[in-house]
Amino acid sequence: MRQDGGMSLPTGPGAVTLTARAVLFDMDGTLVDSTSIVEQVWATFAGRYDLDIDEILRSSHGVQAMDTVRRFAPAGSDIHSLAAELGRMELAATRGIVPVPGALELLASLPPDAVALVTSASRDLAGVRMAAAGISIPAASVTSEDVTRGKPHPEGYLRAASLLGVDPADAVVFEDAPAGIAAGVAAGIRTVAVGPNAGELPDGVPHIPDYSGVTVTTHRSGAGGRTLSFRF
C-alpha cells in the first residue's frame, strides 16, 4: 500500500519507509523520557485539590501545563500562579531524565538544519530536560512561548515547518501523545507515533516503540536538494 507524500506501508510484516526533507520532534516522551517527573508534579497538583490523578494524566500528556491547570483547577483559582508553581517544580526536578532509546543515535545521523523541536514545554523547561538527557536543542525550536494555541492545534508544527523552509507535506513528525499526534495530522504532516502513550491512532499513522530500530539515509541531488529516508 502506498500513501501520498512518500510513505510506504507494507500490508504484511516488513519495514516502513518514509521520505521527507525535514523532521519535527516533540520532546517529552518522544526524545526525552521524563515520565516519573511529570507524574510526580501532577500528583502534587491533584492531591492539593482532591482531583483524579488518572484523569489528569490521561488528558495532560503533550498539552501545555496552563491548559491542563485551566481545565482542572477549582473555580476561582489563580490559574497563572498555579501554572507558574508547577513550572518551578518541573524546572527543579531532573533526576531520572534519560533519552528515549535510540534518540541520540538518530539525531546524530540527521543534518542539523533539517531538524526542529516542537514542545508544549516552556523554553526554560525544554533547555533543562534536553540537557539532562544529553540532547542539544535544535536551532529551530518551537516552545510554549512561540504559539498562541497549543497542541492539539497544529500551529506549532506549521511554525516549525516554516522555520525549516519546507512545505508541511515534505516533513515528518515524531510524537508520543494523542494531542501531539492530532496536531501533526491536522498540520498535514505525516506523523509517526512513538512509545506506549499514543492511544488509538488515526488511520495511516504508524507506531514504533522507540528509535532503536529506526535508520535514516540522506540523499542529495545534483541541484543541491536533499531528502531523508527513514526506515523502521
C-alpha atoms as a PDB file:
ATOM      1  CA  MET A   1       0.000   0.000   0.000  1.00  0.00           C
ATOM      2  CA  ARG A   2       1.258   3.469  -0.868  1.00  0.00           C
ATOM      3  CA  GLN A   3       0.426   6.743   0.923  1.00  0.00           C
ATOM      4  CA  ASP A   4       0.812  10.220  -0.566  1.00  0.00           C
ATOM      5  CA  GLY A   5       3.990  12.008   0.453  1.00  0.00           C
ATOM      6  CA  GLY A   6       6.422   9.136   0.172  1.00  0.00           C
ATOM      7  CA  MET A   7       5.330   6.745   2.933  1.00  0.00           C
ATOM      8  CA  SER A   8       5.274   3.078   2.036  1.00  0.00           C
ATOM      9  CA  LEU A   9       3.302   0.878   4.424  1.00  0.00           C
ATOM     10  CA  PRO A  10       3.603  -2.854   3.722  1.00  0.00           C
ATOM     11  CA  THR A  11       0.420  -4.850   4.203  1.00  0.00           C
ATOM     12  CA  GLY A  12       2.314  -7.701   5.862  1.00  0.00           C
ATOM     13  CA  PRO A  13       5.358  -7.964   8.141  1.00  0.00           C
ATOM     14  CA  GLY A  14       8.179  -5.742   6.981  1.00  0.00           C
ATOM     15  CA  ALA A  15       9.643  -2.282   7.123  1.00  0.00           C
ATOM     16  CA  VAL A  16       8.069   1.115   6.700  1.00  0.00           C
ATOM     17  CA  THR A  17       9.996   3.579   4.541  1.00  0.00           C
ATOM     18  CA  LEU A  18       9.245   7.270   4.796  1.00  0.00           C
ATOM     19  CA  THR A  19      10.933  10.019   2.770  1.00  0.00           C
ATOM     20  CA  ALA A  20      10.978  13.670   3.815  1.00  0.00           C
ATOM     21  CA  ARG A  21      13.021  16.871   3.693  1.00  0.00           C
ATOM     22  CA  ALA A  22      12.691  17.718   7.400  1.00  0.00           C
ATOM     23  CA  VAL A  23      11.822  16.046  10.690  1.00  0.00           C
ATOM     24  CA  LEU A  24       9.961  17.588  13.635  1.00  0.00           C
ATOM     25  CA  PHE A  25      10.220  16.088  17.113  1.00  0.00           C
ATOM     26  CA  ASP A  26       8.113  16.531  20.208  1.00  0.00           C
ATOM     27  CA  MET A  27      10.152  16.444  23.451  1.00  0.00           C
ATOM     28  CA  ASP A  28       8.635  14.697  26.493  1.00  0.00           C
ATOM     29  CA  GLY A  29       8.022  11.041  25.744  1.00  0.00           C
ATOM     30  CA  THR A  30       9.373  11.446  22.221  1.00  0.00           C
ATOM     31  CA  LEU A  31      13.023  12.442  22.677  1.00  0.00           C
ATOM     32  CA  VAL A  32      13.182  12.655  26.471  1.00  0.00           C
ATOM     33  CA  ASP A  33      11.761  10.187  28.989  1.00  0.00           C
ATOM     34  CA  SER A  34      10.589  12.410  31.849  1.00  0.00           C
ATOM     35  CA  THR A  35       7.558  10.327  32.820  1.00  0.00           C
ATOM     36  CA  SER A  36       8.353   9.989  36.520  1.00  0.00           C
ATOM     37  CA  ILE A  37       8.791  13.740  36.981  1.00  0.00           C
ATOM     38  CA  VAL A  38       5.650  14.644  35.047  1.00  0.00           C
ATOM     39  CA  GLU A  39       3.591  12.191  37.083  1.00  0.00           C
ATOM     40  CA  GLN A  40       5.087  13.458  40.353  1.00  0.00           C
ATOM     41  CA  VAL A  41       4.263  17.094  39.583  1.00  0.00           C
ATOM     42  CA  TRP A  42       0.690  16.396  38.523  1.00  0.00           C
ATOM     43  CA  ALA A  43       0.168  14.109  41.509  1.00  0.00           C
ATOM     44  CA  THR A  44       1.071  17.038  43.769  1.00  0.00           C
ATOM     45  CA  PHE A  45      -1.446  19.233  41.967  1.00  0.00           C
ATOM     46  CA  ALA A  46      -4.156  16.548  42.133  1.00  0.00           C
ATOM     47  CA  GLY A  47      -3.561  15.850  45.816  1.00  0.00           C
ATOM     48  CA  ARG A  48      -3.857  19.501  46.768  1.00  0.00           C
ATOM     49  CA  TYR A  49      -7.338  19.810  45.264  1.00  0.00           C
ATOM     50  CA  ASP A  50      -8.530  16.206  45.690  1.00  0.00           C
ATOM     51  CA  LEU A  51      -8.606  15.639  41.941  1.00  0.00           C
ATOM     52  CA  ASP A  52      -8.466  12.366  39.985  1.00  0.00           C
ATOM     53  CA  ILE A  53      -4.788  11.980  39.064  1.00  0.00           C
ATOM     54  CA  ASP A  54      -5.520   9.281  36.480  1.00  0.00           C
ATOM     55  CA  GLU A  55      -7.908  11.576  34.638  1.00  0.00           C
ATOM     56  CA  ILE A  56      -5.376  14.399  34.712  1.00  0.00           C
ATOM     57  CA  LEU A  57      -2.599  12.209  33.338  1.00  0.00           C
ATOM     58  CA  ARG A  58      -4.825  10.849  30.569  1.00  0.00           C
ATOM     59  CA  SER A  59      -5.526  14.332  29.248  1.00  0.00           C
ATOM     60  CA  SER A  60      -2.409  16.322  30.167  1.00  0.00           C
ATOM     61  CA  HIS A  61       0.184  14.392  28.191  1.00  0.00           C
ATOM     62  CA  GLY A  62       1.525  16.537  25.372  1.00  0.00           C
ATOM     63  CA  VAL A  63      -0.627  19.532  26.349  1.00  0.00           C
ATOM     64  CA  GLN A  64       0.590  22.872  27.704  1.00  0.00           C
ATOM     65  CA  ALA A  65       0.529  22.917  31.515  1.00  0.00           C
ATOM     66  CA  MET A  66      -1.523  26.108  31.518  1.00  0.00           C
ATOM     67  CA  ASP A  67      -4.290  24.400  29.545  1.00  0.00           C
ATOM     68  CA  THR A  68      -4.368  21.477  31.980  1.00  0.00           C
ATOM     69  CA  VAL A  69      -4.452  23.734  35.035  1.00  0.00           C
ATOM     70  CA  ARG A  70      -7.222  25.788  33.458  1.00  0.00           C
ATOM     71  CA  ARG A  71      -9.246  22.623  32.838  1.00  0.00           C
ATOM     72  CA  PHE A  72      -8.891  21.011  36.273  1.00  0.00           C
ATOM     73  CA  ALA A  73      -8.266  23.745  38.851  1.00  0.00           C
ATOM     74  CA  PRO A  74     -11.212  24.606  41.106  1.00  0.00           C
ATOM     75  CA  ALA A  75     -13.318  27.609  40.201  1.00  0.00           C
ATOM     76  CA  GLY A  76     -11.793  30.862  41.408  1.00  0.00           C
ATOM     77  CA  SER A  77      -8.211  29.530  41.402  1.00  0.00           C
ATOM     78  CA  ASP A  78      -5.342  31.750  40.327  1.00  0.00           C
ATOM     79  CA  ILE A  79      -4.560  29.821  37.147  1.00  0.00           C
ATOM     80  CA  HIS A  80      -1.393  31.716  36.291  1.00  0.00           C
ATOM     81  CA  SER A  81       0.073  31.340  39.778  1.00  0.00           C
ATOM     82  CA  LEU A  82      -0.704  27.624  39.843  1.00  0.00           C
ATOM     83  CA  ALA A  83       0.867  27.051  36.441  1.00  0.00           C
ATOM     84  CA  ALA A  84       3.932  29.052  37.464  1.00  0.00           C
ATOM     85  CA  GLU A  85       4.299  26.992  40.651  1.00  0.00           C
ATOM     86  CA  LEU A  86       4.089  23.732  38.732  1.00  0.00           C
ATOM     87  CA  GLY A  87       6.610  25.103  36.265  1.00  0.00           C
ATOM     88  CA  ARG A  88       9.084  25.822  39.076  1.00  0.00           C
ATOM     89  CA  MET A  89       8.636  22.283  40.372  1.00  0.00           C
ATOM     90  CA  GLU A  90       9.370  20.854  36.931  1.00  0.00           C
ATOM     91  CA  LEU A  91      12.451  23.023  36.471  1.00  0.00           C
ATOM     92  CA  ALA A  92      13.886  21.813  39.760  1.00  0.00           C
ATOM     93  CA  ALA A  93      13.370  18.098  39.042  1.00  0.00           C
ATOM     94  CA  THR A  94      15.784  16.419  36.629  1.00  0.00           C
ATOM     95  CA  ARG A  95      16.703  13.174  38.350  1.00  0.00           C
ATOM     96  CA  GLY A  96      15.843  10.167  36.219  1.00  0.00           C
ATOM     97  CA  ILE A  97      15.518  12.030  32.919  1.00  0.00           C
ATOM     98  CA  VAL A  98      17.004   9.957  30.095  1.00  0.00           C
ATOM     99  CA  PRO A  99      16.821   9.982  26.303  1.00  0.00           C
ATOM    100  CA  VAL A 100      14.297   7.698  24.642  1.00  0.00           C
ATOM    101  CA  PRO A 101      16.225   4.637  23.378  1.00  0.00           C
ATOM    102  CA  GLY A 102      17.879   5.346  20.039  1.00  0.00           C
ATOM    103  CA  ALA A 103      17.106   9.085  20.098  1.00  0.00           C
ATOM    104  CA  LEU A 104      20.719  10.204  20.435  1.00  0.00           C
ATOM    105  CA  GLU A 105      21.846   7.976  17.594  1.00  0.00           C
ATOM    106  CA  LEU A 106      19.027   9.069  15.310  1.00  0.00           C
ATOM    107  CA  LEU A 107      19.626  12.758  15.954  1.00  0.00           C
ATOM    108  CA  ALA A 108      23.353  12.329  15.322  1.00  0.00           C
ATOM    109  CA  SER A 109      22.569  10.850  11.907  1.00  0.00           C
ATOM    110  CA  LEU A 110      20.355  13.788  10.832  1.00  0.00           C
ATOM    111  CA  PRO A 111      21.505  17.068   9.237  1.00  0.00           C
ATOM    112  CA  PRO A 112      21.039  19.676  11.998  1.00  0.00           C
ATOM    113  CA  ASP A 113      19.332  22.127   9.644  1.00  0.00           C
ATOM    114  CA  ALA A 114      16.656  19.541   8.840  1.00  0.00           C
ATOM    115  CA  VAL A 115      15.532  19.095  12.470  1.00  0.00           C
ATOM    116  CA  ALA A 116      13.124  21.083  14.664  1.00  0.00           C
ATOM    117  CA  LEU A 117      11.787  20.678  18.186  1.00  0.00           C
ATOM    118  CA  VAL A 118       8.088  21.350  18.835  1.00  0.00           C
ATOM    119  CA  THR A 119       7.201  21.103  22.514  1.00  0.00           C
ATOM    120  CA  SER A 120       4.391  22.202  24.797  1.00  0.00           C
ATOM    121  CA  ALA A 121       7.013  22.952  27.442  1.00  0.00           C
ATOM    122  CA  SER A 122       8.436  26.407  28.090  1.00  0.00           C
ATOM    123  CA  ARG A 123      11.784  27.398  26.630  1.00  0.00           C
ATOM    124  CA  ASP A 124      13.451  27.107  30.043  1.00  0.00           C
ATOM    125  CA  LEU A 125      11.969  23.689  30.776  1.00  0.00           C
ATOM    126  CA  ALA A 126      12.935  22.403  27.346  1.00  0.00           C
ATOM    127  CA  GLY A 127      16.510  23.524  27.985  1.00  0.00           C
ATOM    128  CA  VAL A 128      16.637  21.805  31.376  1.00  0.00           C
ATOM    129  CA  ARG A 129      15.157  18.500  30.226  1.00  0.00           C
ATOM    130  CA  MET A 130      17.084  18.251  26.966  1.00  0.00           C
ATOM    131  CA  ALA A 131      20.332  18.998  28.815  1.00  0.00           C
ATOM    132  CA  ALA A 132      19.525  16.398  31.472  1.00  0.00           C
ATOM    133  CA  ALA A 133      19.053  13.825  28.706  1.00  0.00           C
ATOM    134  CA  GLY A 134      22.265  14.889  26.971  1.00  0.00           C
ATOM    135  CA  ILE A 135      20.482  16.192  23.872  1.00  0.00           C
ATOM    136  CA  SER A 136      21.248  19.502  22.194  1.00  0.00           C
ATOM    137  CA  ILE A 137      18.274  21.709  21.390  1.00  0.00           C
ATOM    138  CA  PRO A 138      17.908  22.174  17.618  1.00  0.00           C
ATOM    139  CA  ALA A 139      18.399  25.680  16.274  1.00  0.00           C
ATOM    140  CA  ALA A 140      14.820  25.533  15.010  1.00  0.00           C
ATOM    141  CA  SER A 141      12.646  25.158  18.108  1.00  0.00           C
ATOM    142  CA  VAL A 142       9.051  25.988  18.934  1.00  0.00           C
ATOM    143  CA  THR A 143       8.141  26.164  22.633  1.00  0.00           C
ATOM    144  CA  SER A 144       5.023  27.256  24.502  1.00  0.00           C
ATOM    145  CA  GLU A 145       6.061  30.916  24.266  1.00  0.00           C
ATOM    146  CA  ASP A 146       6.092  30.771  20.469  1.00  0.00           C
ATOM    147  CA  VAL A 147       2.444  29.819  19.878  1.00  0.00           C
ATOM    148  CA  THR A 148      -0.935  31.226  20.775  1.00  0.00           C
ATOM    149  CA  ARG A 149      -2.654  27.816  20.569  1.00  0.00           C
ATOM    150  CA  GLY A 150      -1.078  24.677  21.980  1.00  0.00           C
ATOM    151  CA  LYS A 151      -1.438  21.083  20.845  1.00  0.00           C
ATOM    152  CA  PRO A 152      -3.713  19.548  19.557  1.00  0.00           C
ATOM    153  CA  HIS A 153      -3.836  22.722  17.441  1.00  0.00           C
ATOM    154  CA  PRO A 154      -1.373  22.436  14.520  1.00  0.00           C
ATOM    155  CA  GLU A 155       0.142  25.917  14.975  1.00  0.00           C
ATOM    156  CA  GLY A 156       3.406  24.697  16.491  1.00  0.00           C
ATOM    157  CA  TYR A 157       4.127  22.145  13.771  1.00  0.00           C
ATOM    158  CA  LEU A 158       3.202  24.536  10.990  1.00  0.00           C
ATOM    159  CA  ARG A 159       5.538  27.127  12.509  1.00  0.00           C
ATOM    160  CA  ALA A 160       8.372  24.616  12.723  1.00  0.00           C
ATOM    161  CA  ALA A 161       7.969  23.591   9.090  1.00  0.00           C
ATOM    162  CA  SER A 162       8.093  27.255   8.134  1.00  0.00           C
ATOM    163  CA  LEU A 163      11.260  27.780  10.196  1.00  0.00           C
ATOM    164  CA  LEU A 164      12.907  24.958   8.266  1.00  0.00           C
ATOM    165  CA  GLY A 165      11.649  26.291   4.949  1.00  0.00           C
ATOM    166  CA  VAL A 166       9.698  23.187   3.972  1.00  0.00           C
ATOM    167  CA  ASP A 167       6.134  22.521   2.989  1.00  0.00           C
ATOM    168  CA  PRO A 168       4.265  20.510   5.660  1.00  0.00           C
ATOM    169  CA  ALA A 169       3.828  17.690   3.154  1.00  0.00           C
ATOM    170  CA  ASP A 170       7.635  17.420   2.938  1.00  0.00           C
ATOM    171  CA  ALA A 171       8.116  16.920   6.676  1.00  0.00           C
ATOM    172  CA  VAL A 172       7.561  14.129   9.182  1.00  0.00           C
ATOM    173  CA  VAL A 173       6.553  14.408  12.839  1.00  0.00           C
ATOM    174  CA  PHE A 174       7.539  12.054  15.649  1.00  0.00           C
ATOM    175  CA  GLU A 175       5.086  12.287  18.560  1.00  0.00           C
ATOM    176  CA  ASP A 176       4.130  10.233  21.607  1.00  0.00           C
ATOM    177  CA  ALA A 177       0.829  11.700  22.857  1.00  0.00           C
ATOM    178  CA  PRO A 178      -2.667  11.838  21.355  1.00  0.00           C
ATOM    179  CA  ALA A 179      -2.719  15.660  21.471  1.00  0.00           C
ATOM    180  CA  GLY A 180       0.580  15.924  19.617  1.00  0.00           C
ATOM    181  CA  ILE A 181      -0.331  13.234  17.106  1.00  0.00           C
ATOM    182  CA  ALA A 182      -3.563  15.105  16.393  1.00  0.00           C
ATOM    183  CA  ALA A 183      -1.563  18.322  15.935  1.00  0.00           C
ATOM    184  CA  GLY A 184       0.781  16.714  13.420  1.00  0.00           C
ATOM    185  CA  VAL A 185      -2.058  15.186  11.447  1.00  0.00           C
ATOM    186  CA  ALA A 186      -4.017  18.462  11.487  1.00  0.00           C
ATOM    187  CA  ALA A 187      -0.941  20.254  10.139  1.00  0.00           C
ATOM    188  CA  GLY A 188      -0.950  17.941   7.116  1.00  0.00           C
ATOM    189  CA  ILE A 189       2.370  16.412   8.189  1.00  0.00           C
ATOM    190  CA  ARG A 190       2.999  12.685   8.074  1.00  0.00           C
ATOM    191  CA  THR A 191       3.142  11.599  11.704  1.00  0.00           C
ATOM    192  CA  VAL A 192       4.772   8.646  13.461  1.00  0.00           C
ATOM    193  CA  ALA A 193       3.644   7.636  16.950  1.00  0.00           C
ATOM    194  CA  VAL A 194       6.377   6.790  19.465  1.00  0.00           C
ATOM    195  CA  GLY A 195       6.165   4.823  22.713  1.00  0.00           C
ATOM    196  CA  PRO A 196       3.365   3.449  24.884  1.00  0.00           C
ATOM    197  CA  ASN A 197       1.154   6.530  25.355  1.00  0.00           C
ATOM    198  CA  ALA A 198      -0.072   7.167  21.821  1.00  0.00           C
ATOM    199  CA  GLY A 199      -3.603   5.861  22.349  1.00  0.00           C
ATOM    200  CA  GLU A 200      -5.845   4.944  19.430  1.00  0.00           C
ATOM    201  CA  LEU A 201      -4.061   6.019  16.266  1.00  0.00           C
ATOM    202  CA  PRO A 202      -5.594   7.829  13.302  1.00  0.00           C
ATOM    203  CA  ASP A 203      -5.578   5.957  10.010  1.00  0.00           C
ATOM    204  CA  GLY A 204      -2.177   5.945   8.340  1.00  0.00           C
ATOM    205  CA  VAL A 205      -0.152   6.758  11.480  1.00  0.00           C
ATOM    206  CA  PRO A 206       2.471   4.053  12.073  1.00  0.00           C
ATOM    207  CA  HIS A 207       3.764   3.263  15.552  1.00  0.00           C
ATOM    208  CA  ILE A 208       7.256   2.497  16.865  1.00  0.00           C
ATOM    209  CA  PRO A 209       8.237   1.587  20.459  1.00  0.00           C
ATOM    210  CA  ASP A 210      11.354   3.799  20.284  1.00  0.00           C
ATOM    211  CA  TYR A 211      14.129   4.634  17.799  1.00  0.00           C
ATOM    212  CA  SER A 212      16.276   1.549  18.288  1.00  0.00           C
ATOM    213  CA  GLY A 213      15.006   0.096  15.020  1.00  0.00           C
ATOM    214  CA  VAL A 214      14.994   3.342  13.013  1.00  0.00           C
ATOM    215  CA  THR A 215      17.612   4.125  10.383  1.00  0.00           C
ATOM    216  CA  VAL A 216      17.916   7.194   8.183  1.00  0.00           C
ATOM    217  CA  THR A 217      19.760   7.767   4.916  1.00  0.00           C
ATOM    218  CA  THR A 218      20.448  11.204   3.453  1.00  0.00           C
ATOM    219  CA  HIS A 219      20.148  11.515  -0.317  1.00  0.00           C
ATOM    220  CA  ARG A 220      21.491  14.514  -2.232  1.00  0.00           C
ATOM    221  CA  SER A 221      20.618  15.564  -5.749  1.00  0.00           C
ATOM    222  CA  GLY A 222      22.818  17.395  -8.228  1.00  0.00           C
ATOM    223  CA  ALA A 223      20.735  20.539  -7.833  1.00  0.00           C
ATOM    224  CA  GLY A 224      21.593  20.778  -4.134  1.00  0.00           C
ATOM    225  CA  GLY A 225      18.379  19.170  -2.939  1.00  0.00           C
ATOM    226  CA  ARG A 226      18.300  16.750  -0.059  1.00  0.00           C
ATOM    227  CA  THR A 227      15.882  14.103   1.174  1.00  0.00           C
ATOM    228  CA  LEU A 228      15.893  11.890   4.219  1.00  0.00           C
ATOM    229  CA  SER A 229      14.738   8.277   4.011  1.00  0.00           C
ATOM    230  CA  PHE A 230      13.599   6.768   7.321  1.00  0.00           C
ATOM    231  CA  ARG A 231      13.231   3.028   7.630  1.00  0.00           C
ATOM    232  CA  PHE A 232      11.718   1.210  10.597  1.00  0.00           C
END
